[in-house]
Amino acid sequence: MCNVPGCDRPNYHRQEYCNFHYQRIRLGIPLDKPKRALPGEGERFLASLIDTTETRCITWPFGQFKDGCGHAHHLGRSIIASRLMCILAHGEPPFDGAEAAHNCGRGHDACVNPNHLRWDTKVGNYSDKVAHGTQTRGEDHPVSKLSDADVIDIRSLYQSGRTQQSLADQFGVSRSNIGLIVTRVRWGHL
């Protein structure tokens, strides 16, 4: 049998692991990374939770997007697992652009507890993320090229007469990005 705890599959060609775990090791995929759900498995898992009275977060046990949200399939398309749970537990979105918002603030940890989910506007969902401290913005955003101090410097230098293009060249970003920073369309929280 496979040497991975909890796996009851036979080992692969007399190796220490089953074919599934052997391939993960061979490809350098961590053994504790969630597995992809088989067709229908994700929906069955979510359907089993609809009437739960659990108050703690329930984590999606299958594959996840890079941002940590659960990855599910529904009607032949990819969907965020918490959105699918919100559809199953609370019905179709009540208005265009409705988002599945988390009361628990753990959407980035793939929480799918239907008691933690509700339909909300994009602004309401964003406000929840800010209140829970889970919204990545500014220098905390994983693809940010600038620090908070850089943005403050950019605005100060622009006020003193520097051109947007010279600031873009100095800080290694586009001129249009500088324009959005000085008009506070981007980095408006500073």
Protein backbone atom coordinates (compact mmCIF):
# COMPACT_ATOMS: atom_id res chain seq x y z
CA MET A 1 0.00 0.00 0.00
CA CYS A 2 0.99 3.64 -0.49
CA ASN A 3 3.16 5.13 2.29
CA VAL A 4 1.25 8.44 2.39
CA PRO A 5 -0.90 8.57 5.56
CA GLY A 6 -4.57 8.15 4.74
CA CYS A 7 -3.99 6.81 1.23
CA ASP A 8 -5.32 3.30 0.72
CA ARG A 9 -4.24 2.83 -2.90
CA PRO A 10 -1.78 0.10 -3.85
CA ASN A 11 1.82 1.12 -4.40
CA TYR A 12 3.01 1.73 -7.93
CA HIS A 13 5.36 -0.85 -9.44
CA ARG A 14 6.71 -1.82 -6.02
CA GLN A 15 7.60 1.79 -5.21
CA GLU A 16 6.74 3.33 -1.83
CA TYR A 17 3.80 5.31 -3.25
CA CYS A 18 0.67 4.81 -5.34
CA ASN A 19 0.69 6.11 -8.91
CA PHE A 20 -1.03 9.38 -7.87
CA HIS A 21 1.54 10.22 -5.15
CA TYR A 22 4.45 8.84 -7.17
CA GLN A 23 3.61 11.27 -10.01
CA ARG A 24 3.38 14.17 -7.57
CA ILE A 25 6.82 13.38 -6.18
CA ARG A 26 8.24 12.93 -9.68
CA LEU A 27 6.82 16.31 -10.81
CA GLY A 28 7.81 18.11 -7.59
CA ILE A 29 4.21 18.72 -6.45
CA PRO A 30 3.89 18.76 -2.64
CA LEU A 31 2.10 15.70 -1.28
CA ASP A 32 -0.13 17.86 0.94
CA LYS A 33 -1.42 19.95 -1.99
CA PRO A 34 -5.17 19.35 -2.39
CA LYS A 35 -6.12 16.91 -5.11
CA ARG A 36 -8.35 17.76 -8.04
CA ALA A 37 -11.94 16.67 -7.52
CA LEU A 38 -13.26 13.90 -9.73
CA PRO A 39 -16.28 14.86 -11.88
CA GLY A 40 -19.21 15.56 -9.56
CA GLU A 41 -17.17 15.01 -6.38
CA GLY A 42 -16.93 18.71 -5.53
CA GLU A 43 -20.65 19.33 -5.97
CA ARG A 44 -21.47 16.27 -3.84
CA PHE A 45 -19.16 17.57 -1.11
CA LEU A 46 -20.84 20.99 -1.15
CA ALA A 47 -24.35 19.51 -1.29
CA SER A 48 -23.57 17.50 1.84
CA LEU A 49 -22.88 20.78 3.70
CA ILE A 50 -26.01 22.73 2.79
CA ASP A 51 -27.84 22.01 6.07
CA THR A 52 -24.78 22.06 8.33
CA THR A 53 -24.96 23.68 11.74
CA GLU A 54 -21.17 23.94 11.93
CA THR A 55 -20.01 27.39 13.03
CA ARG A 56 -16.31 26.99 12.22
CA CYS A 57 -14.88 27.43 8.73
CA ILE A 58 -15.11 24.39 6.47
CA THR A 59 -12.18 24.27 4.06
CA TRP A 60 -12.60 23.15 0.45
CA PRO A 61 -10.53 19.93 0.30
CA PHE A 62 -9.83 19.94 -3.42
CA GLY A 63 -7.83 22.08 -5.85
CA GLN A 64 -7.48 25.81 -5.37
CA PHE A 65 -6.76 28.85 -7.51
CA LYS A 66 -3.45 30.65 -6.93
CA ASP A 67 -5.19 33.14 -4.62
CA GLY A 68 -6.28 30.30 -2.30
CA CYS A 69 -9.95 30.23 -3.31
CA GLY A 70 -11.41 26.78 -3.90
CA HIS A 71 -11.65 25.63 -7.54
CA ALA A 72 -14.78 23.76 -8.60
CA HIS A 73 -16.58 22.77 -11.79
CA HIS A 74 -20.27 23.36 -12.39
CA LEU A 75 -22.22 22.82 -15.61
CA GLY A 76 -18.99 22.29 -17.52
CA ARG A 77 -17.23 25.47 -16.42
CA SER A 78 -14.74 26.51 -13.79
CA ILE A 79 -16.15 28.35 -10.77
CA ILE A 80 -14.98 29.48 -7.34
CA ALA A 81 -16.13 26.86 -4.82
CA SER A 82 -17.58 29.43 -2.39
CA ARG A 83 -19.66 30.93 -5.22
CA LEU A 84 -20.96 27.47 -6.10
CA MET A 85 -21.81 26.87 -2.43
CA CYS A 86 -23.63 30.20 -2.28
CA ILE A 87 -25.68 29.16 -5.35
CA LEU A 88 -26.50 25.76 -3.83
CA ALA A 89 -27.34 27.11 -0.37
CA HIS A 90 -28.87 30.53 -1.13
CA GLY A 91 -30.04 30.28 -4.73
CA GLU A 92 -28.87 32.02 -7.88
CA PRO A 93 -27.31 35.49 -7.50
CA PRO A 94 -30.13 37.97 -6.80
CA PHE A 95 -28.67 40.64 -9.12
CA ASP A 96 -26.05 40.99 -11.85
CA GLY A 97 -22.54 41.26 -10.44
CA ALA A 98 -23.45 39.69 -7.08
CA GLU A 99 -20.46 38.17 -5.28
CA ALA A 100 -20.29 35.41 -2.70
CA ALA A 101 -19.07 37.30 0.37
CA HIS A 102 -17.66 35.68 3.53
CA ASN A 103 -18.76 36.79 6.99
CA CYS A 104 -15.74 34.93 8.41
CA GLY A 105 -13.10 36.72 6.34
CA ARG A 106 -11.57 33.39 5.29
CA GLY A 107 -12.49 33.24 1.60
CA HIS A 108 -8.80 33.28 0.71
CA ASP A 109 -8.46 30.09 2.81
CA ALA A 110 -11.17 28.35 0.74
CA CYS A 111 -13.93 28.45 3.37
CA VAL A 112 -17.15 26.96 1.96
CA ASN A 113 -19.32 26.92 5.09
CA PRO A 114 -22.77 28.01 3.81
CA ASN A 115 -23.43 29.76 7.14
CA HIS A 116 -20.49 32.09 6.40
CA LEU A 117 -21.65 33.00 2.88
CA ARG A 118 -24.10 35.55 1.52
CA TRP A 119 -24.70 37.44 -1.71
CA ASP A 120 -23.31 40.98 -1.70
CA THR A 121 -22.19 43.73 -4.04
CA LYS A 122 -18.58 44.06 -5.17
CA VAL A 123 -18.23 47.11 -2.90
CA GLY A 124 -19.71 45.24 0.08
CA ASN A 125 -17.42 42.26 -0.48
CA TYR A 126 -14.40 44.56 -0.80
CA SER A 127 -15.39 46.36 2.42
CA ASP A 128 -15.49 42.99 4.20
CA LYS A 129 -12.00 42.18 2.96
CA VAL A 130 -10.69 45.52 4.23
CA ALA A 131 -12.44 45.05 7.60
CA HIS A 132 -11.03 41.52 7.98
CA GLY A 133 -7.55 42.62 6.89
CA THR A 134 -7.47 40.18 3.98
CA GLN A 135 -7.48 42.68 1.11
CA THR A 136 -4.01 42.84 -0.38
CA ARG A 137 -3.32 46.33 -1.58
CA GLY A 138 -0.39 48.64 -1.91
CA GLU A 139 3.00 47.13 -1.17
CA ASP A 140 1.33 44.03 0.30
CA HIS A 141 0.00 43.04 -3.13
CA PRO A 142 2.13 40.19 -4.52
CA VAL A 143 2.81 41.88 -7.88
CA SER A 144 3.43 45.40 -6.58
CA LYS A 145 6.58 47.01 -7.94
CA LEU A 146 6.32 50.01 -5.64
CA SER A 147 6.41 50.48 -1.89
CA ASP A 148 4.19 52.88 0.04
CA ALA A 149 7.23 55.17 0.43
CA ASP A 150 7.78 55.13 -3.37
CA VAL A 151 4.20 56.26 -3.97
CA ILE A 152 4.50 59.09 -1.46
CA ASP A 153 7.78 60.14 -3.15
CA ILE A 154 6.16 59.99 -6.60
CA ARG A 155 3.36 62.31 -5.53
CA SER A 156 5.78 64.70 -3.85
CA LEU A 157 8.15 64.78 -6.83
CA TYR A 158 5.23 65.30 -9.23
CA GLN A 159 4.00 68.24 -7.14
CA SER A 160 7.48 69.77 -7.32
CA GLY A 161 7.37 69.76 -11.13
CA ARG A 162 8.74 66.40 -12.30
CA THR A 163 7.10 64.92 -15.40
CA GLN A 164 5.19 61.69 -15.29
CA GLN A 165 7.59 60.13 -17.82
CA SER A 166 10.69 61.00 -15.79
CA LEU A 167 9.05 59.49 -12.69
CA ALA A 168 8.08 56.38 -14.66
CA ASP A 169 11.68 55.96 -15.81
CA GLN A 170 13.04 56.49 -12.29
CA PHE A 171 10.67 54.03 -10.60
CA GLY A 172 10.49 51.41 -13.37
CA VAL A 173 6.76 51.61 -14.07
CA SER A 174 4.68 52.92 -16.96
CA ARG A 175 3.83 56.59 -17.45
CA SER A 176 0.12 55.74 -17.30
CA ASN A 177 0.67 54.05 -13.92
CA ILE A 178 2.28 57.27 -12.63
CA GLY A 179 -0.74 59.20 -13.89
CA LEU A 180 -3.09 56.90 -11.98
CA ILE A 181 -0.97 57.27 -8.83
CA VAL A 182 -0.82 61.10 -8.87
CA THR A 183 -4.59 61.33 -9.51
CA ARG A 184 -5.18 58.80 -6.68
CA VAL A 185 -7.03 56.36 -8.92
CA ARG A 186 -4.42 53.82 -7.77
CA TRP A 187 -2.94 53.74 -4.27
CA GLY A 188 -5.82 55.95 -3.11
CA HIS A 189 -5.50 54.56 0.42
CA LEU A 190 -2.27 56.56 0.91
